[in-house]
Amino acid sequence: GNLVFTPGTGEDANVLRITPDSILSIDKLMVEETGADVVSDTQLDLRA
């Protein structure tokens, strides 16, 4: 789509592993282009 698919790019991307027997809710993933910077808002809910 319009995304760069970058599996295994731990050097330059926020990466996350959901380990065995886990439940994670991705509640918010917002990205704002301010012109001078990129402001992101990531909110996760680890339920198990």
All heavy atoms as atom14 arrays in JSON, in Angstrom:
{
  "sequence": "GNLVFTPGTGEDANVLRITPDSILSIDKLMVEETGADVVSDTQLDLRA",
  "atom14_mask": [
    [1, 1, 1, 1, 0, 0, 0, 0, 0, 0, 0, 0, 0, 0],
    [1, 1, 1, 1, 1, 1, 1, 1, 0, 0, 0, 0, 0, 0],
    [1, 1, 1, 1, 1, 1, 1, 1, 0, 0, 0, 0, 0, 0],
    [1, 1, 1, 1, 1, 1, 1, 0, 0, 0, 0, 0, 0, 0],
    [1, 1, 1, 1, 1, 1, 1, 1, 1, 1, 1, 0, 0, 0],
    [1, 1, 1, 1, 1, 1, 1, 0, 0, 0, 0, 0, 0, 0],
    [1, 1, 1, 1, 1, 1, 1, 0, 0, 0, 0, 0, 0, 0],
    [1, 1, 1, 1, 0, 0, 0, 0, 0, 0, 0, 0, 0, 0],
    [1, 1, 1, 1, 1, 1, 1, 0, 0, 0, 0, 0, 0, 0],
    [1, 1, 1, 1, 0, 0, 0, 0, 0, 0, 0, 0, 0, 0],
    [1, 1, 1, 1, 1, 1, 1, 1, 1, 0, 0, 0, 0, 0],
    [1, 1, 1, 1, 1, 1, 1, 1, 0, 0, 0, 0, 0, 0],
    [1, 1, 1, 1, 1, 0, 0, 0, 0, 0, 0, 0, 0, 0],
    [1, 1, 1, 1, 1, 1, 1, 1, 0, 0, 0, 0, 0, 0],
    [1, 1, 1, 1, 1, 1, 1, 0, 0, 0, 0, 0, 0, 0],
    [1, 1, 1, 1, 1, 1, 1, 1, 0, 0, 0, 0, 0, 0],
    [1, 1, 1, 1, 1, 1, 1, 1, 1, 1, 1, 0, 0, 0],
    [1, 1, 1, 1, 1, 1, 1, 1, 0, 0, 0, 0, 0, 0],
    [1, 1, 1, 1, 1, 1, 1, 0, 0, 0, 0, 0, 0, 0],
    [1, 1, 1, 1, 1, 1, 1, 0, 0, 0, 0, 0, 0, 0],
    [1, 1, 1, 1, 1, 1, 1, 1, 0, 0, 0, 0, 0, 0],
    [1, 1, 1, 1, 1, 1, 0, 0, 0, 0, 0, 0, 0, 0],
    [1, 1, 1, 1, 1, 1, 1, 1, 0, 0, 0, 0, 0, 0],
    [1, 1, 1, 1, 1, 1, 1, 1, 0, 0, 0, 0, 0, 0],
    [1, 1, 1, 1, 1, 1, 0, 0, 0, 0, 0, 0, 0, 0],
    [1, 1, 1, 1, 1, 1, 1, 1, 0, 0, 0, 0, 0, 0],
    [1, 1, 1, 1, 1, 1, 1, 1, 0, 0, 0, 0, 0, 0],
    [1, 1, 1, 1, 1, 1, 1, 1, 1, 0, 0, 0, 0, 0],
    [1, 1, 1, 1, 1, 1, 1, 1, 0, 0, 0, 0, 0, 0],
    [1, 1, 1, 1, 1, 1, 1, 1, 0, 0, 0, 0, 0, 0],
    [1, 1, 1, 1, 1, 1, 1, 0, 0, 0, 0, 0, 0, 0],
    [1, 1, 1, 1, 1, 1, 1, 1, 1, 0, 0, 0, 0, 0],
    [1, 1, 1, 1, 1, 1, 1, 1, 1, 0, 0, 0, 0, 0],
    [1, 1, 1, 1, 1, 1, 1, 0, 0, 0, 0, 0, 0, 0],
    [1, 1, 1, 1, 0, 0, 0, 0, 0, 0, 0, 0, 0, 0],
    [1, 1, 1, 1, 1, 0, 0, 0, 0, 0, 0, 0, 0, 0],
    [1, 1, 1, 1, 1, 1, 1, 1, 0, 0, 0, 0, 0, 0],
    [1, 1, 1, 1, 1, 1, 1, 0, 0, 0, 0, 0, 0, 0],
    [1, 1, 1, 1, 1, 1, 1, 0, 0, 0, 0, 0, 0, 0],
    [1, 1, 1, 1, 1, 1, 0, 0, 0, 0, 0, 0, 0, 0],
    [1, 1, 1, 1, 1, 1, 1, 1, 0, 0, 0, 0, 0, 0],
    [1, 1, 1, 1, 1, 1, 1, 0, 0, 0, 0, 0, 0, 0],
    [1, 1, 1, 1, 1, 1, 1, 1, 1, 0, 0, 0, 0, 0],
    [1, 1, 1, 1, 1, 1, 1, 1, 0, 0, 0, 0, 0, 0],
    [1, 1, 1, 1, 1, 1, 1, 1, 0, 0, 0, 0, 0, 0],
    [1, 1, 1, 1, 1, 1, 1, 1, 0, 0, 0, 0, 0, 0],
    [1, 1, 1, 1, 1, 1, 1, 1, 1, 1, 1, 0, 0, 0],
    [1, 1, 1, 1, 1, 0, 0, 0, 0, 0, 0, 0, 0, 0]
  ],
  "atom14_positions": [
    [[0.84, -1.19, 0.0], [0.0, 0.0, 0.0], [0.88, 1.24, 0.0], [1.81, 1.36, -0.78], [0.0, 0.0, 0.0], [0.0, 0.0, 0.0], [0.0, 0.0, 0.0], [0.0, 0.0, 0.0], [0.0, 0.0, 0.0], [0.0, 0.0, 0.0], [0.0, 0.0, 0.0], [0.0, 0.0, 0.0], [0.0, 0.0, 0.0], [0.0, 0.0, 0.0]],
    [[0.61, 2.15, 0.92], [1.42, 3.37, 1.0], [2.44, 3.3, 2.13], [3.0, 4.31, 2.53], [0.51, 4.59, 1.23], [-0.22, 4.52, 2.56], [-0.37, 3.45, 3.12], [-0.68, 5.66, 3.04], [0.0, 0.0, 0.0], [0.0, 0.0, 0.0], [0.0, 0.0, 0.0], [0.0, 0.0, 0.0], [0.0, 0.0, 0.0], [0.0, 0.0, 0.0]],
    [[2.68, 2.09, 2.63], [3.61, 1.92, 3.73], [4.89, 1.23, 3.26], [4.86, 0.39, 2.37], [3.01, 1.07, 4.86], [1.8, 1.64, 5.57], [1.37, 0.67, 6.65], [2.14, 2.98, 6.2], [0.0, 0.0, 0.0], [0.0, 0.0, 0.0], [0.0, 0.0, 0.0], [0.0, 0.0, 0.0], [0.0, 0.0, 0.0], [0.0, 0.0, 0.0]],
    [[5.99, 1.6, 3.87], [7.22, 0.86, 3.65], [7.17, -0.38, 4.51], [6.98, -0.3, 5.72], [8.44, 1.72, 4.02], [9.71, 0.88, 3.91], [8.53, 2.93, 3.11], [0.0, 0.0, 0.0], [0.0, 0.0, 0.0], [0.0, 0.0, 0.0], [0.0, 0.0, 0.0], [0.0, 0.0, 0.0], [0.0, 0.0, 0.0], [0.0, 0.0, 0.0]],
    [[7.32, -1.55, 3.91], [7.31, -2.8, 4.66], [8.73, -3.13, 5.06], [9.56, -3.46, 4.23], [6.72, -3.92, 3.8], [6.64, -5.25, 4.5], [6.18, -5.33, 5.8], [7.02, -6.4, 3.86], [6.1, -6.55, 6.45], [6.95, -7.64, 4.49], [6.48, -7.71, 5.79], [0.0, 0.0, 0.0], [0.0, 0.0, 0.0], [0.0, 0.0, 0.0]],
    [[9.03, -2.98, 6.33], [10.41, -3.11, 6.78], [10.52, -4.13, 7.91], [10.74, -3.79, 9.05], [10.92, -1.75, 7.29], [10.0, -1.26, 8.29], [11.03, -0.75, 6.18], [0.0, 0.0, 0.0], [0.0, 0.0, 0.0], [0.0, 0.0, 0.0], [0.0, 0.0, 0.0], [0.0, 0.0, 0.0], [0.0, 0.0, 0.0], [0.0, 0.0, 0.0]],
    [[10.3, -5.41, 7.62], [10.47, -6.4, 8.68], [11.9, -6.46, 9.16], [12.84, -6.38, 8.37], [10.07, -7.71, 8.0], [10.32, -7.47, 6.55], [10.02, -6.01, 6.32], [0.0, 0.0, 0.0], [0.0, 0.0, 0.0], [0.0, 0.0, 0.0], [0.0, 0.0, 0.0], [0.0, 0.0, 0.0], [0.0, 0.0, 0.0], [0.0, 0.0, 0.0]],
    [[12.07, -6.54, 10.47], [13.4, -6.69, 11.03], [14.25, -5.45, 10.92], [15.45, -5.54, 10.74], [0.0, 0.0, 0.0], [0.0, 0.0, 0.0], [0.0, 0.0, 0.0], [0.0, 0.0, 0.0], [0.0, 0.0, 0.0], [0.0, 0.0, 0.0], [0.0, 0.0, 0.0], [0.0, 0.0, 0.0], [0.0, 0.0, 0.0], [0.0, 0.0, 0.0]],
    [[13.65, -4.24, 11.06], [14.44, -3.02, 10.98], [14.5, -2.38, 12.36], [14.06, -1.27, 12.57], [13.85, -2.02, 9.98], [12.45, -1.86, 10.29], [13.97, -2.53, 8.56], [0.0, 0.0, 0.0], [0.0, 0.0, 0.0], [0.0, 0.0, 0.0], [0.0, 0.0, 0.0], [0.0, 0.0, 0.0], [0.0, 0.0, 0.0], [0.0, 0.0, 0.0]],
    [[15.05, -3.12, 13.32], [15.11, -2.63, 14.68], [15.99, -1.41, 14.85], [15.91, -0.72, 15.85], [0.0, 0.0, 0.0], [0.0, 0.0, 0.0], [0.0, 0.0, 0.0], [0.0, 0.0, 0.0], [0.0, 0.0, 0.0], [0.0, 0.0, 0.0], [0.0, 0.0, 0.0], [0.0, 0.0, 0.0], [0.0, 0.0, 0.0], [0.0, 0.0, 0.0]],
    [[16.85, -1.12, 13.86], [17.74, 0.03, 13.98], [17.0, 1.34, 13.85], [17.34, 2.32, 14.49], [18.83, -0.05, 12.91], [19.73, -1.25, 13.01], [20.68, -1.3, 11.84], [21.62, -0.47, 11.83], [20.5, -2.13, 10.96], [0.0, 0.0, 0.0], [0.0, 0.0, 0.0], [0.0, 0.0, 0.0], [0.0, 0.0, 0.0], [0.0, 0.0, 0.0]],
    [[16.01, 1.41, 12.96], [15.41, 2.69, 12.63], [13.91, 2.72, 12.76], [13.25, 3.63, 12.29], [15.81, 3.11, 11.21], [15.41, 2.05, 10.18], [14.84, 1.02, 10.58], [15.66, 2.28, 8.99], [0.0, 0.0, 0.0], [0.0, 0.0, 0.0], [0.0, 0.0, 0.0], [0.0, 0.0, 0.0], [0.0, 0.0, 0.0], [0.0, 0.0, 0.0]],
    [[13.3, 1.71, 13.37], [11.86, 1.68, 13.51], [11.5, 1.21, 14.91], [12.28, 0.55, 15.58], [11.24, 0.75, 12.47], [0.0, 0.0, 0.0], [0.0, 0.0, 0.0], [0.0, 0.0, 0.0], [0.0, 0.0, 0.0], [0.0, 0.0, 0.0], [0.0, 0.0, 0.0], [0.0, 0.0, 0.0], [0.0, 0.0, 0.0], [0.0, 0.0, 0.0]],
    [[10.29, 1.58, 15.34], [9.78, 1.07, 16.6], [9.27, -0.35, 16.36], [8.33, -0.55, 15.58], [8.65, 1.95, 17.11], [9.13, 3.33, 17.47], [10.32, 3.54, 17.71], [8.23, 4.29, 17.51], [0.0, 0.0, 0.0], [0.0, 0.0, 0.0], [0.0, 0.0, 0.0], [0.0, 0.0, 0.0], [0.0, 0.0, 0.0], [0.0, 0.0, 0.0]],
    [[9.9, -1.32, 17.0], [9.52, -2.71, 16.79], [9.01, -3.3, 18.09], [9.38, -2.86, 19.19], [10.7, -3.54, 16.25], [11.05, -3.11, 14.84], [11.92, -3.44, 17.16], [0.0, 0.0, 0.0], [0.0, 0.0, 0.0], [0.0, 0.0, 0.0], [0.0, 0.0, 0.0], [0.0, 0.0, 0.0], [0.0, 0.0, 0.0], [0.0, 0.0, 0.0]],
    [[8.17, -4.31, 17.96], [7.48, -4.87, 19.12], [7.27, -6.35, 18.9], [6.91, -6.78, 17.81], [6.13, -4.17, 19.29], [5.25, -4.64, 20.44], [5.83, -4.18, 21.78], [3.84, -4.07, 20.26], [0.0, 0.0, 0.0], [0.0, 0.0, 0.0], [0.0, 0.0, 0.0], [0.0, 0.0, 0.0], [0.0, 0.0, 0.0], [0.0, 0.0, 0.0]],
    [[7.51, -7.14, 19.94], [7.17, -8.56, 19.91], [6.12, -8.85, 20.98], [6.29, -8.5, 22.16], [8.4, -9.44, 20.16], [8.05, -10.91, 20.41], [9.23, -11.84, 20.3], [9.67, -11.94, 18.91], [10.64, -12.78, 18.51], [11.26, -13.55, 19.4], [10.99, -12.84, 17.24], [0.0, 0.0, 0.0], [0.0, 0.0, 0.0], [0.0, 0.0, 0.0]],
    [[5.05, -9.5, 20.55], [4.02, -9.99, 21.47], [4.35, -11.45, 21.72], [4.27, -12.29, 20.81], [2.62, -9.84, 20.85], [2.39, -8.38, 20.42], [1.55, -10.26, 21.85], [1.14, -8.19, 19.59], [0.0, 0.0, 0.0], [0.0, 0.0, 0.0], [0.0, 0.0, 0.0], [0.0, 0.0, 0.0], [0.0, 0.0, 0.0], [0.0, 0.0, 0.0]],
    [[4.76, -11.76, 22.93], [5.32, -13.07, 23.25], [4.21, -14.1, 23.47], [3.02, -13.77, 23.45], [6.23, -12.97, 24.49], [5.43, -12.65, 25.62], [7.3, -11.91, 24.29], [0.0, 0.0, 0.0], [0.0, 0.0, 0.0], [0.0, 0.0, 0.0], [0.0, 0.0, 0.0], [0.0, 0.0, 0.0], [0.0, 0.0, 0.0], [0.0, 0.0, 0.0]],
    [[4.56, -15.4, 23.69], [3.53, -16.43, 23.86], [2.54, -16.13, 24.98], [2.87, -15.51, 25.99], [4.36, -17.68, 24.16], [5.67, -17.44, 23.49], [5.93, -15.98, 23.63], [0.0, 0.0, 0.0], [0.0, 0.0, 0.0], [0.0, 0.0, 0.0], [0.0, 0.0, 0.0], [0.0, 0.0, 0.0], [0.0, 0.0, 0.0], [0.0, 0.0, 0.0]],
    [[1.31, -16.61, 24.77], [0.22, -16.5, 25.76], [-0.03, -15.05, 26.16], [-0.14, -14.72, 27.35], [0.54, -17.34, 27.01], [0.53, -18.83, 26.72], [-0.4, -19.3, 26.03], [1.46, -19.54, 27.17], [0.0, 0.0, 0.0], [0.0, 0.0, 0.0], [0.0, 0.0, 0.0], [0.0, 0.0, 0.0], [0.0, 0.0, 0.0], [0.0, 0.0, 0.0]],
    [[-0.12, -14.18, 25.18], [-0.31, -12.75, 25.45], [-1.52, -12.21, 24.71], [-1.94, -12.74, 23.68], [0.93, -11.96, 25.03], [2.07, -12.36, 25.77], [0.0, 0.0, 0.0], [0.0, 0.0, 0.0], [0.0, 0.0, 0.0], [0.0, 0.0, 0.0], [0.0, 0.0, 0.0], [0.0, 0.0, 0.0], [0.0, 0.0, 0.0], [0.0, 0.0, 0.0]],
    [[-2.06, -11.12, 25.26], [-3.13, -10.37, 24.6], [-2.74, -8.9, 24.66], [-2.52, -8.35, 25.74], [-4.5, -10.57, 25.28], [-4.89, -12.05, 25.27], [-5.57, -9.74, 24.59], [-6.17, -12.34, 26.06], [0.0, 0.0, 0.0], [0.0, 0.0, 0.0], [0.0, 0.0, 0.0], [0.0, 0.0, 0.0], [0.0, 0.0, 0.0], [0.0, 0.0, 0.0]],
    [[-2.66, -8.26, 23.5], [-2.31, -6.84, 23.43], [-3.34, -6.11, 22.6], [-3.69, -6.52, 21.49], [-0.93, -6.65, 22.79], [-0.48, -5.19, 22.66], [-0.1, -4.63, 24.03], [0.67, -5.06, 21.68], [0.0, 0.0, 0.0], [0.0, 0.0, 0.0], [0.0, 0.0, 0.0], [0.0, 0.0, 0.0], [0.0, 0.0, 0.0], [0.0, 0.0, 0.0]],
    [[-3.8, -4.99, 23.15], [-4.7, -4.12, 22.41], [-3.91, -2.9, 21.92], [-3.23, -2.24, 22.71], [-5.86, -3.65, 23.3], [-6.65, -2.69, 22.61], [0.0, 0.0, 0.0], [0.0, 0.0, 0.0], [0.0, 0.0, 0.0], [0.0, 0.0, 0.0], [0.0, 0.0, 0.0], [0.0, 0.0, 0.0], [0.0, 0.0, 0.0], [0.0, 0.0, 0.0]],
    [[-3.97, -2.64, 20.62], [-3.4, -1.43, 20.07], [-4.5, -0.37, 20.1], [-5.42, -0.38, 19.28], [-2.9, -1.66, 18.63], [-1.86, -2.78, 18.6], [-2.31, -0.37, 18.04], [-1.43, -3.17, 17.19], [0.0, 0.0, 0.0], [0.0, 0.0, 0.0], [0.0, 0.0, 0.0], [0.0, 0.0, 0.0], [0.0, 0.0, 0.0], [0.0, 0.0, 0.0]],
    [[-4.42, 0.52, 21.07], [-5.5, 1.48, 21.29], [-5.36, 2.75, 20.44], [-6.36, 3.35, 20.05], [-5.56, 1.88, 22.78], [-6.08, 0.75, 23.65], [-6.67, -0.19, 23.09], [-5.89, 0.81, 24.87], [0.0, 0.0, 0.0], [0.0, 0.0, 0.0], [0.0, 0.0, 0.0], [0.0, 0.0, 0.0], [0.0, 0.0, 0.0], [0.0, 0.0, 0.0]],
    [[-4.13, 3.15, 20.2], [-3.93, 4.41, 19.47], [-2.6, 4.4, 18.76], [-1.57, 4.06, 19.34], [-4.0, 5.6, 20.45], [-4.11, 6.96, 19.78], [-4.35, 8.04, 20.84], [-4.58, 9.4, 20.21], [-4.81, 10.45, 21.24], [0.0, 0.0, 0.0], [0.0, 0.0, 0.0], [0.0, 0.0, 0.0], [0.0, 0.0, 0.0], [0.0, 0.0, 0.0]],
    [[-2.62, 4.78, 17.48], [-1.4, 4.95, 16.68], [-1.62, 6.2, 15.82], [-2.22, 6.12, 14.74], [-1.15, 3.74, 15.79], [-0.63, 2.45, 16.42], [-0.61, 1.33, 15.38], [0.74, 2.66, 17.01], [0.0, 0.0, 0.0], [0.0, 0.0, 0.0], [0.0, 0.0, 0.0], [0.0, 0.0, 0.0], [0.0, 0.0, 0.0], [0.0, 0.0, 0.0]],
    [[-1.15, 7.32, 16.28], [-1.33, 8.58, 15.56], [0.03, 9.15, 15.17], [1.0, 9.06, 15.92], [-2.08, 9.59, 16.41], [-3.49, 9.17, 16.8], [-4.61, 8.99, 15.37], [-4.69, 10.67, 14.78], [0.0, 0.0, 0.0], [0.0, 0.0, 0.0], [0.0, 0.0, 0.0], [0.0, 0.0, 0.0], [0.0, 0.0, 0.0], [0.0, 0.0, 0.0]],
    [[0.09, 9.73, 13.98], [1.31, 10.35, 13.48], [0.94, 11.73, 12.95], [0.02, 11.86, 12.14], [1.96, 9.53, 12.37], [3.22, 10.23, 11.87], [2.3, 8.13, 12.85], [0.0, 0.0, 0.0], [0.0, 0.0, 0.0], [0.0, 0.0, 0.0], [0.0, 0.0, 0.0], [0.0, 0.0, 0.0], [0.0, 0.0, 0.0], [0.0, 0.0, 0.0]],
    [[1.65, 12.76, 13.4], [1.39, 14.12, 12.96], [2.64, 14.73, 12.35], [3.69, 14.76, 12.98], [0.93, 14.99, 14.14], [0.65, 16.43, 13.74], [0.3, 17.32, 14.92], [0.13, 16.76, 16.03], [0.23, 18.54, 14.75], [0.0, 0.0, 0.0], [0.0, 0.0, 0.0], [0.0, 0.0, 0.0], [0.0, 0.0, 0.0], [0.0, 0.0, 0.0]],
    [[2.5, 15.2, 11.12], [3.59, 15.89, 10.45], [3.48, 17.38, 10.79], [2.53, 18.04, 10.39], [3.5, 15.69, 8.94], [3.6, 14.25, 8.49], [5.03, 13.74, 8.48], [5.94, 14.56, 8.66], [5.22, 12.52, 8.31], [0.0, 0.0, 0.0], [0.0, 0.0, 0.0], [0.0, 0.0, 0.0], [0.0, 0.0, 0.0], [0.0, 0.0, 0.0]],
    [[4.46, 17.89, 11.51], [4.42, 19.29, 11.91], [5.21, 20.19, 10.97], [5.2, 21.4, 11.12], [4.97, 19.47, 13.34], [6.38, 19.13, 13.33], [4.24, 18.56, 14.32], [0.0, 0.0, 0.0], [0.0, 0.0, 0.0], [0.0, 0.0, 0.0], [0.0, 0.0, 0.0], [0.0, 0.0, 0.0], [0.0, 0.0, 0.0], [0.0, 0.0, 0.0]],
    [[5.91, 19.6, 10.03], [6.77, 20.37, 9.15], [8.21, 20.31, 9.6], [9.11, 20.01, 8.82], [0.0, 0.0, 0.0], [0.0, 0.0, 0.0], [0.0, 0.0, 0.0], [0.0, 0.0, 0.0], [0.0, 0.0, 0.0], [0.0, 0.0, 0.0], [0.0, 0.0, 0.0], [0.0, 0.0, 0.0], [0.0, 0.0, 0.0], [0.0, 0.0, 0.0]],
    [[8.43, 20.59, 10.88], [9.78, 20.53, 11.43], [10.08, 19.19, 12.06], [11.24, 18.82, 12.24], [9.97, 21.63, 12.47], [0.0, 0.0, 0.0], [0.0, 0.0, 0.0], [0.0, 0.0, 0.0], [0.0, 0.0, 0.0], [0.0, 0.0, 0.0], [0.0, 0.0, 0.0], [0.0, 0.0, 0.0], [0.0, 0.0, 0.0], [0.0, 0.0, 0.0]],
    [[9.04, 18.43, 12.39], [9.25, 17.19, 13.11], [8.07, 16.25, 12.87], [7.05, 16.65, 12.3], [9.4, 17.47, 14.61], [10.33, 16.49, 15.29], [10.54, 15.39, 14.74], [10.86, 16.82, 16.37], [0.0, 0.0, 0.0], [0.0, 0.0, 0.0], [0.0, 0.0, 0.0], [0.0, 0.0, 0.0], [0.0, 0.0, 0.0], [0.0, 0.0, 0.0]],
    [[8.21, 15.03, 13.32], [7.12, 14.05, 13.3], [6.75, 13.73, 14.74], [7.59, 13.32, 15.53], [7.52, 12.76, 12.56], [6.39, 11.74, 12.63], [7.89, 13.05, 11.12], [0.0, 0.0, 0.0], [0.0, 0.0, 0.0], [0.0, 0.0, 0.0], [0.0, 0.0, 0.0], [0.0, 0.0, 0.0], [0.0, 0.0, 0.0], [0.0, 0.0, 0.0]],
    [[5.49, 13.97, 15.08], [5.0, 13.72, 16.43], [4.11, 12.49, 16.39], [3.15, 12.43, 15.61], [4.21, 14.93, 16.98], [3.66, 14.61, 18.37], [5.1, 16.17, 17.01], [0.0, 0.0, 0.0], [0.0, 0.0, 0.0], [0.0, 0.0, 0.0], [0.0, 0.0, 0.0], [0.0, 0.0, 0.0], [0.0, 0.0, 0.0], [0.0, 0.0, 0.0]],
    [[4.42, 11.51, 17.21], [3.64, 10.27, 17.23], [3.03, 10.05, 18.61], [3.55, 10.5, 19.63], [4.52, 9.07, 16.86], [5.58, 8.92, 17.8], [0.0, 0.0, 0.0], [0.0, 0.0, 0.0], [0.0, 0.0, 0.0], [0.0, 0.0, 0.0], [0.0, 0.0, 0.0], [0.0, 0.0, 0.0], [0.0, 0.0, 0.0], [0.0, 0.0, 0.0]],
    [[1.9, 9.36, 18.62], [1.2, 9.03, 19.86], [0.82, 7.56, 19.78], [-0.06, 7.17, 19.02], [-0.04, 9.91, 20.02], [-0.71, 9.73, 21.37], [-0.28, 8.85, 22.15], [-1.67, 10.46, 21.66], [0.0, 0.0, 0.0], [0.0, 0.0, 0.0], [0.0, 0.0, 0.0], [0.0, 0.0, 0.0], [0.0, 0.0, 0.0], [0.0, 0.0, 0.0]],
    [[1.53, 6.73, 20.56], [1.3, 5.29, 20.57], [0.8, 4.87, 21.95], [1.46, 5.15, 22.96], [2.6, 4.53, 20.24], [3.07, 4.93, 18.96], [2.38, 3.02, 20.26], [0.0, 0.0, 0.0], [0.0, 0.0, 0.0], [0.0, 0.0, 0.0], [0.0, 0.0, 0.0], [0.0, 0.0, 0.0], [0.0, 0.0, 0.0], [0.0, 0.0, 0.0]],
    [[-0.35, 4.21, 21.99], [-0.91, 3.75, 23.26], [-1.31, 2.29, 23.12], [-2.13, 1.93, 22.29], [-2.11, 4.62, 23.66], [-1.73, 6.07, 23.91], [-2.9, 6.93, 24.32], [-3.94, 6.41, 24.74], [-2.75, 8.23, 24.19], [0.0, 0.0, 0.0], [0.0, 0.0, 0.0], [0.0, 0.0, 0.0], [0.0, 0.0, 0.0], [0.0, 0.0, 0.0]],
    [[-0.7, 1.46, 23.96], [-0.92, 0.03, 23.95], [-1.5, -0.41, 25.29], [-1.2, 0.17, 26.32], [0.39, -0.71, 23.68], [1.2, -0.26, 22.47], [2.54, -0.99, 22.43], [0.43, -0.47, 21.18], [0.0, 0.0, 0.0], [0.0, 0.0, 0.0], [0.0, 0.0, 0.0], [0.0, 0.0, 0.0], [0.0, 0.0, 0.0], [0.0, 0.0, 0.0]],
    [[-2.31, -1.47, 25.26], [-2.93, -2.0, 26.47], [-2.57, -3.48, 26.57], [-3.09, -4.3, 25.81], [-4.44, -1.8, 26.4], [-5.17, -2.33, 27.63], [-4.5, -2.8, 28.57], [-6.42, -2.27, 27.65], [0.0, 0.0, 0.0], [0.0, 0.0, 0.0], [0.0, 0.0, 0.0], [0.0, 0.0, 0.0], [0.0, 0.0, 0.0], [0.0, 0.0, 0.0]],
    [[-1.69, -3.81, 27.5], [-1.26, -5.2, 27.69], [-2.21, -5.88, 28.66], [-2.18, -5.62, 29.87], [0.18, -5.23, 28.22], [0.79, -6.62, 28.42], [0.8, -7.42, 27.12], [2.2, -6.49, 28.99], [0.0, 0.0, 0.0], [0.0, 0.0, 0.0], [0.0, 0.0, 0.0], [0.0, 0.0, 0.0], [0.0, 0.0, 0.0], [0.0, 0.0, 0.0]],
    [[-3.04, -6.77, 28.17], [-4.07, -7.4, 28.98], [-3.64, -8.76, 29.54], [-4.19, -9.22, 30.54], [-5.34, -7.58, 28.15], [-5.88, -6.25, 27.63], [-7.16, -6.43, 26.83], [-7.63, -5.16, 26.31], [-8.74, -5.02, 25.58], [-9.5, -6.09, 25.32], [-9.09, -3.83, 25.13], [0.0, 0.0, 0.0], [0.0, 0.0, 0.0], [0.0, 0.0, 0.0]],
    [[-2.68, -9.38, 28.88], [-2.16, -10.67, 29.37], [-0.79, -10.9, 28.76], [-0.49, -10.38, 27.68], [-3.11, -11.81, 29.0], [0.0, 0.0, 0.0], [0.0, 0.0, 0.0], [0.0, 0.0, 0.0], [0.0, 0.0, 0.0], [0.0, 0.0, 0.0], [0.0, 0.0, 0.0], [0.0, 0.0, 0.0], [0.0, 0.0, 0.0], [0.0, 0.0, 0.0]]
  ]
}
